[in-house]
Amino acid sequence: MKFNFLSFLIMISLLIVSCKPDATVTPSGYSYKIVTEGTGEAPKTNDYVLFTIKITGDNGKVLQEMAEGPQMPVVQIPAEFPKGKDANPIIEVLAKSKVGQNFILTMPIDSMPNAPVDVQSMKFITYDVSVKGIKNDEEYKKYLEEQNAVQQGKVAANMEKLPAIEELLATTLADYKTGTLETKSTASGLKYYIVKEGEGPVAAVGSKVVVQYYGSLMDGTMFDNSFKRGEAFPFTLGQGQVIKGWDEGLALLNKGAKAFLFIPSALAYGEAGSPPTIPAKSDLVFYVELEDIK
């Protein structure tokens, strides 16, 4: 599982830092810059602010991204803001934001007393935040009800697809093991089989892809799939946000493509595996549907 930098921001101790001349400063001392001004009124106490966020390292690598949809982050504006080591600069800026506002907050790594290994070699990370909505308590409850209804509909529709996908996986795996499946291979050892070609160019490194998937061990044991959740999985290609086999395999596909990826353990979870569902040194097979490239 990748480190959740948004949760980490909420918990870390914050130190006062200097700001750039063209930036604004949060009450806790962090510099941020408003890229786009929003419209309407700022949130009131106890209002909910819905926003998207992209967290990027000083090398340009996207560390985490949370977009619009069922998993879009939300915070409730408190009556009193924590101070000192408990302060949170993102919430401090959101408390003054308006719908449509986009701001970028910079956080030096040396202000993180327990910075994760992923970022310790960096000088700073940036939080690119866009405000998508501001709702009071009643509006937010209605929003949650609507989102839940939509999600349940997606789950039901996708669950109907599962029997056919499971049957396809079983027959494809059987053909693969007998050597009758006409797969293609890459230099790294990844093998893939195109079930259906998509349209347009293949996904480029740095693009955001949206993928439905069904993952299993080589004996056909399913360990995870997006269909049962009713929501495709979005990620930025080639940024190390997923296993190497995915970064390589999805770059071979175009929008609308359906394929099987046969991923050796070295391109998956390696010697350690991913307990308890994926044993050590496990080769994996994924059925994937590339829904979108952005």
Protein backbone atom coordinates (compact mmCIF):
# COMPACT_ATOMS: atom_id res chain seq x y z
CA MET A 1 0.00 0.00 0.00
CA LYS A 2 1.31 3.44 -0.90
CA PHE A 3 1.88 6.04 1.81
CA ASN A 4 -1.10 8.34 2.31
CA PHE A 5 0.46 11.80 2.25
CA LEU A 6 -2.85 13.58 2.89
CA SER A 7 -3.38 11.70 6.14
CA PHE A 8 0.25 12.28 7.05
CA LEU A 9 -0.21 16.05 6.61
CA ILE A 10 -3.04 16.03 9.13
CA MET A 11 -0.92 14.32 11.77
CA ILE A 12 2.57 15.79 11.44
CA SER A 13 4.12 18.44 13.61
CA LEU A 14 4.48 21.71 11.72
CA LEU A 15 7.34 24.20 11.99
CA ILE A 16 7.29 27.85 10.95
CA VAL A 17 8.93 28.39 7.56
CA SER A 18 9.65 31.47 5.48
CA CYS A 19 7.46 32.25 2.49
CA LYS A 20 8.27 33.36 -1.01
CA PRO A 21 7.60 37.01 -1.88
CA ASP A 22 4.76 36.12 -4.26
CA ALA A 23 3.08 33.73 -1.84
CA THR A 24 0.62 33.98 1.03
CA VAL A 25 1.20 32.44 4.44
CA THR A 26 -1.06 30.21 6.52
CA PRO A 27 -1.48 30.94 10.25
CA SER A 28 0.86 28.00 10.92
CA GLY A 29 3.54 29.56 8.72
CA TYR A 30 3.37 27.64 5.46
CA SER A 31 3.60 29.40 2.11
CA TYR A 32 0.96 28.89 -0.56
CA LYS A 33 0.01 30.55 -3.80
CA ILE A 34 -3.49 31.02 -5.20
CA VAL A 35 -3.47 30.04 -8.86
CA THR A 36 -7.17 30.57 -9.57
CA GLU A 37 -9.62 32.61 -7.51
CA GLY A 38 -12.95 31.01 -6.71
CA THR A 39 -16.43 32.48 -6.61
CA GLY A 40 -19.22 32.74 -4.05
CA GLU A 41 -18.85 32.70 -0.29
CA ALA A 42 -16.17 31.10 1.83
CA PRO A 43 -17.26 28.18 4.05
CA LYS A 44 -18.75 28.79 7.48
CA THR A 45 -17.97 26.87 10.64
CA ASN A 46 -19.08 23.22 10.33
CA ASP A 47 -19.47 23.49 6.54
CA TYR A 48 -17.95 20.74 4.41
CA VAL A 49 -15.39 21.52 1.71
CA LEU A 50 -14.95 19.02 -1.10
CA PHE A 51 -11.68 19.21 -3.00
CA THR A 52 -9.25 17.38 -5.25
CA ILE A 53 -5.54 17.17 -4.47
CA LYS A 54 -2.35 16.21 -6.25
CA ILE A 55 0.81 15.73 -4.20
CA THR A 56 4.07 16.07 -6.09
CA GLY A 57 7.72 15.71 -5.10
CA ASP A 58 10.43 18.23 -5.97
CA ASN A 59 11.44 15.90 -8.82
CA GLY A 60 8.03 16.28 -10.45
CA LYS A 61 6.92 12.77 -9.50
CA VAL A 62 3.25 12.51 -8.50
CA LEU A 63 3.19 10.86 -5.07
CA GLN A 64 -0.58 10.71 -4.62
CA GLU A 65 -3.65 12.05 -6.38
CA MET A 66 -7.26 12.13 -5.23
CA ALA A 67 -9.77 13.21 -7.87
CA GLU A 68 -13.51 13.82 -8.07
CA GLY A 69 -15.72 10.83 -7.41
CA PRO A 70 -16.71 8.65 -4.46
CA GLN A 71 -13.21 8.94 -2.96
CA MET A 72 -12.94 12.72 -3.31
CA PRO A 73 -11.55 14.13 -0.04
CA VAL A 74 -13.66 16.36 2.19
CA VAL A 75 -12.99 18.30 5.38
CA GLN A 76 -15.34 19.94 7.86
CA ILE A 77 -14.36 23.45 8.92
CA PRO A 78 -13.81 23.49 12.71
CA ALA A 79 -14.96 26.18 15.09
CA GLU A 80 -11.43 26.44 16.46
CA PHE A 81 -8.29 25.59 14.54
CA PRO A 82 -5.57 23.46 16.13
CA LYS A 83 -2.32 25.32 16.70
CA GLY A 84 1.33 24.45 17.08
CA LYS A 85 2.22 20.86 16.35
CA ASP A 86 -1.44 19.99 15.64
CA ALA A 87 -2.01 22.73 13.06
CA ASN A 88 -3.05 21.80 9.51
CA PRO A 89 -2.21 24.28 6.72
CA ILE A 90 -4.49 22.67 4.14
CA ILE A 91 -7.55 23.15 6.35
CA GLU A 92 -6.41 26.68 7.16
CA VAL A 93 -6.43 27.59 3.47
CA LEU A 94 -9.67 25.71 2.75
CA ALA A 95 -11.39 27.68 5.51
CA LYS A 96 -10.92 30.84 3.43
CA SER A 97 -11.49 29.27 0.03
CA LYS A 98 -14.29 29.56 -2.50
CA VAL A 99 -15.66 27.11 -5.04
CA GLY A 100 -13.35 26.94 -8.04
CA GLN A 101 -10.27 28.13 -6.16
CA ASN A 102 -7.00 26.40 -6.91
CA PHE A 103 -3.99 26.83 -4.66
CA ILE A 104 -0.56 25.25 -4.31
CA LEU A 105 0.99 24.79 -0.87
CA THR A 106 4.68 23.99 -0.47
CA MET A 107 5.94 21.90 2.41
CA PRO A 108 9.70 21.56 3.05
CA ILE A 109 10.72 18.04 3.97
CA ASP A 110 12.77 19.29 6.91
CA SER A 111 9.50 20.43 8.51
CA MET A 112 8.43 16.78 8.75
CA PRO A 113 9.99 15.22 11.86
CA ASN A 114 9.07 11.69 10.73
CA ALA A 115 9.06 12.01 6.94
CA PRO A 116 8.31 8.74 5.08
CA VAL A 117 11.18 7.00 3.31
CA ASP A 118 9.66 7.87 -0.09
CA VAL A 119 10.37 11.58 0.36
CA GLN A 120 13.37 11.81 2.69
CA SER A 121 15.74 12.57 -0.20
CA MET A 122 13.55 15.45 -1.42
CA LYS A 123 13.74 19.09 -0.39
CA PHE A 124 9.99 19.72 -0.53
CA ILE A 125 6.63 18.41 -1.71
CA THR A 126 3.73 20.44 -3.10
CA TYR A 127 0.00 20.08 -2.55
CA ASP A 128 -2.04 21.21 -5.57
CA VAL A 129 -5.60 21.67 -4.29
CA SER A 130 -8.80 22.59 -6.17
CA VAL A 131 -12.05 23.33 -4.31
CA LYS A 132 -15.01 21.57 -5.93
CA GLY A 133 -17.84 22.29 -3.53
CA ILE A 134 -18.90 23.82 -0.21
CA LYS A 135 -21.91 22.34 1.55
CA ASN A 136 -23.70 22.84 4.83
CA ASP A 137 -24.75 19.88 6.96
CA GLU A 138 -28.07 19.27 5.20
CA GLU A 139 -26.55 19.64 1.74
CA TYR A 140 -23.70 17.30 2.60
CA LYS A 141 -26.05 14.59 3.89
CA LYS A 142 -28.00 14.80 0.62
CA TYR A 143 -24.75 14.66 -1.34
CA LEU A 144 -23.71 11.49 0.50
CA GLU A 145 -27.09 9.89 -0.18
CA GLU A 146 -26.81 10.71 -3.89
CA GLN A 147 -23.25 9.42 -4.08
CA ASN A 148 -24.24 6.22 -2.31
CA ALA A 149 -27.13 5.63 -4.72
CA VAL A 150 -24.86 6.16 -7.73
CA GLN A 151 -22.22 3.88 -6.26
CA GLN A 152 -24.70 1.11 -5.51
CA GLY A 153 -25.91 1.30 -9.10
CA LYS A 154 -22.36 0.95 -10.40
CA VAL A 155 -21.67 -1.97 -8.09
CA ALA A 156 -24.81 -3.77 -9.27
CA ALA A 157 -23.94 -3.21 -12.94
CA ASN A 158 -20.36 -4.38 -12.50
CA MET A 159 -21.33 -7.41 -10.42
CA GLU A 160 -23.36 -8.58 -13.40
CA LYS A 161 -20.13 -8.65 -15.42
CA LEU A 162 -18.19 -10.76 -12.92
CA PRO A 163 -19.38 -14.27 -13.95
CA ALA A 164 -18.33 -13.69 -17.57
CA ILE A 165 -14.98 -12.19 -16.47
CA GLU A 166 -14.30 -15.12 -14.15
CA GLU A 167 -15.09 -17.60 -16.91
CA LEU A 168 -12.84 -15.71 -19.35
CA LEU A 169 -10.04 -15.67 -16.79
CA ALA A 170 -10.33 -19.43 -16.22
CA THR A 171 -10.20 -20.34 -19.91
CA THR A 172 -7.43 -17.83 -20.66
CA LEU A 173 -5.30 -19.10 -17.77
CA ALA A 174 -5.80 -22.69 -18.93
CA ASP A 175 -4.67 -21.78 -22.46
CA TYR A 176 -1.71 -19.83 -21.06
CA LYS A 177 -0.52 -22.79 -18.99
CA THR A 178 -0.77 -25.19 -21.94
CA GLY A 179 1.09 -22.75 -24.19
CA THR A 180 -1.78 -22.32 -26.66
CA LEU A 181 -2.42 -18.65 -25.80
CA GLU A 182 -0.69 -16.33 -28.28
CA THR A 183 0.81 -13.82 -25.87
CA LYS A 184 3.34 -11.10 -26.58
CA SER A 185 6.36 -10.47 -24.36
CA THR A 186 8.49 -7.52 -23.29
CA ALA A 187 12.20 -7.49 -22.43
CA SER A 188 11.38 -7.35 -18.69
CA GLY A 189 9.48 -10.64 -18.78
CA LEU A 190 5.95 -9.22 -18.85
CA LYS A 191 3.56 -11.13 -21.09
CA TYR A 192 0.26 -9.80 -22.34
CA TYR A 193 -2.70 -10.86 -24.40
CA ILE A 194 -5.08 -8.38 -26.06
CA VAL A 195 -8.74 -9.40 -25.75
CA LYS A 196 -10.01 -6.28 -27.50
CA GLU A 197 -8.11 -3.43 -29.12
CA GLY A 198 -9.03 0.09 -28.10
CA GLU A 199 -8.91 3.31 -30.10
CA GLY A 200 -6.38 6.10 -30.44
CA PRO A 201 -2.81 6.27 -29.15
CA VAL A 202 -1.51 4.13 -26.32
CA ALA A 203 -1.28 5.61 -22.84
CA ALA A 204 1.79 7.81 -22.37
CA VAL A 205 3.94 8.04 -19.26
CA GLY A 206 2.62 10.85 -17.09
CA SER A 207 -0.98 10.52 -18.30
CA LYS A 208 -3.78 9.65 -15.91
CA VAL A 209 -5.40 6.32 -16.72
CA VAL A 210 -8.65 4.89 -15.37
CA VAL A 211 -8.68 1.09 -15.13
CA GLN A 212 -11.10 -1.66 -14.22
CA TYR A 213 -9.26 -4.79 -13.14
CA TYR A 214 -9.56 -8.34 -11.86
CA GLY A 215 -6.41 -9.74 -10.27
CA SER A 216 -5.67 -13.35 -9.44
CA LEU A 217 -2.85 -15.72 -8.56
CA MET A 218 -1.74 -18.14 -11.26
CA ASP A 219 -4.01 -20.83 -9.80
CA GLY A 220 -7.02 -18.61 -10.47
CA THR A 221 -7.50 -17.41 -6.88
CA MET A 222 -8.85 -13.86 -6.97
CA PHE A 223 -7.16 -11.44 -4.56
CA ASP A 224 -8.73 -8.14 -5.64
CA ASN A 225 -10.95 -6.58 -8.28
CA SER A 226 -12.46 -3.19 -8.96
CA PHE A 227 -15.72 -4.52 -10.35
CA LYS A 228 -17.05 -5.48 -6.93
CA ARG A 229 -16.43 -1.92 -5.73
CA GLY A 230 -18.25 -0.38 -8.68
CA GLU A 231 -15.45 2.10 -9.33
CA ALA A 232 -12.50 2.01 -11.72
CA PHE A 233 -9.02 2.69 -10.36
CA PRO A 234 -7.32 5.95 -11.48
CA PHE A 235 -3.56 6.51 -11.33
CA THR A 236 -0.78 8.40 -13.08
CA LEU A 237 1.14 6.13 -15.43
CA GLY A 238 4.88 5.65 -15.00
CA GLN A 239 5.13 7.35 -11.60
CA GLY A 240 5.62 4.26 -9.46
CA GLN A 241 2.15 4.51 -7.94
CA VAL A 242 1.44 0.88 -8.88
CA ILE A 243 3.49 -2.28 -9.38
CA LYS A 244 6.03 -2.23 -12.23
CA GLY A 245 4.01 -4.70 -14.29
CA TRP A 246 1.10 -2.29 -14.34
CA ASP A 247 3.20 0.73 -15.25
CA GLU A 248 4.66 -1.24 -18.14
CA GLY A 249 1.57 -3.15 -19.20
CA LEU A 250 -0.93 -0.28 -19.26
CA ALA A 251 1.50 1.73 -21.42
CA LEU A 252 0.94 -0.89 -24.13
CA LEU A 253 -2.81 -0.25 -24.30
CA ASN A 254 -5.08 2.43 -25.70
CA LYS A 255 -8.45 3.72 -24.55
CA GLY A 256 -11.11 1.03 -24.53
CA ALA A 257 -8.63 -1.86 -24.71
CA LYS A 258 -9.23 -5.06 -22.78
CA ALA A 259 -6.28 -7.32 -22.02
CA PHE A 260 -4.61 -9.85 -19.77
CA LEU A 261 -1.29 -9.01 -18.12
CA PHE A 262 0.83 -11.96 -16.96
CA ILE A 263 3.20 -10.37 -14.47
CA PRO A 264 6.27 -12.16 -13.03
CA SER A 265 6.85 -11.66 -9.31
CA ALA A 266 9.83 -9.38 -9.95
CA LEU A 267 7.43 -6.92 -11.61
CA ALA A 268 4.75 -7.44 -8.94
CA TYR A 269 5.35 -7.79 -5.20
CA GLY A 270 8.66 -9.65 -5.39
CA GLU A 271 10.23 -11.72 -2.67
CA ALA A 272 7.97 -10.39 0.09
CA GLY A 273 4.61 -10.69 -1.65
CA SER A 274 1.71 -8.74 -0.21
CA PRO A 275 0.34 -10.73 2.75
CA PRO A 276 -2.14 -12.08 3.44
CA THR A 277 -3.60 -12.28 -0.09
CA ILE A 278 -0.45 -12.52 -2.23
CA PRO A 279 2.22 -15.02 -1.16
CA ALA A 280 5.94 -14.38 -1.58
CA LYS A 281 7.40 -14.70 -5.09
CA SER A 282 3.94 -14.83 -6.67
CA ASP A 283 3.43 -14.39 -10.40
CA LEU A 284 0.12 -12.64 -11.06
CA VAL A 285 -2.45 -12.31 -13.81
CA PHE A 286 -4.66 -9.27 -14.28
CA TYR A 287 -7.62 -8.83 -16.57
CA VAL A 288 -7.76 -5.08 -17.27
CA GLU A 289 -10.09 -2.71 -19.08
CA LEU A 290 -8.57 0.69 -19.84
CA GLU A 291 -11.63 2.91 -19.54
CA ASP A 292 -9.99 6.30 -20.05
CA ILE A 293 -6.73 8.16 -20.68
CA LYS A 294 -6.51 11.78 -19.53
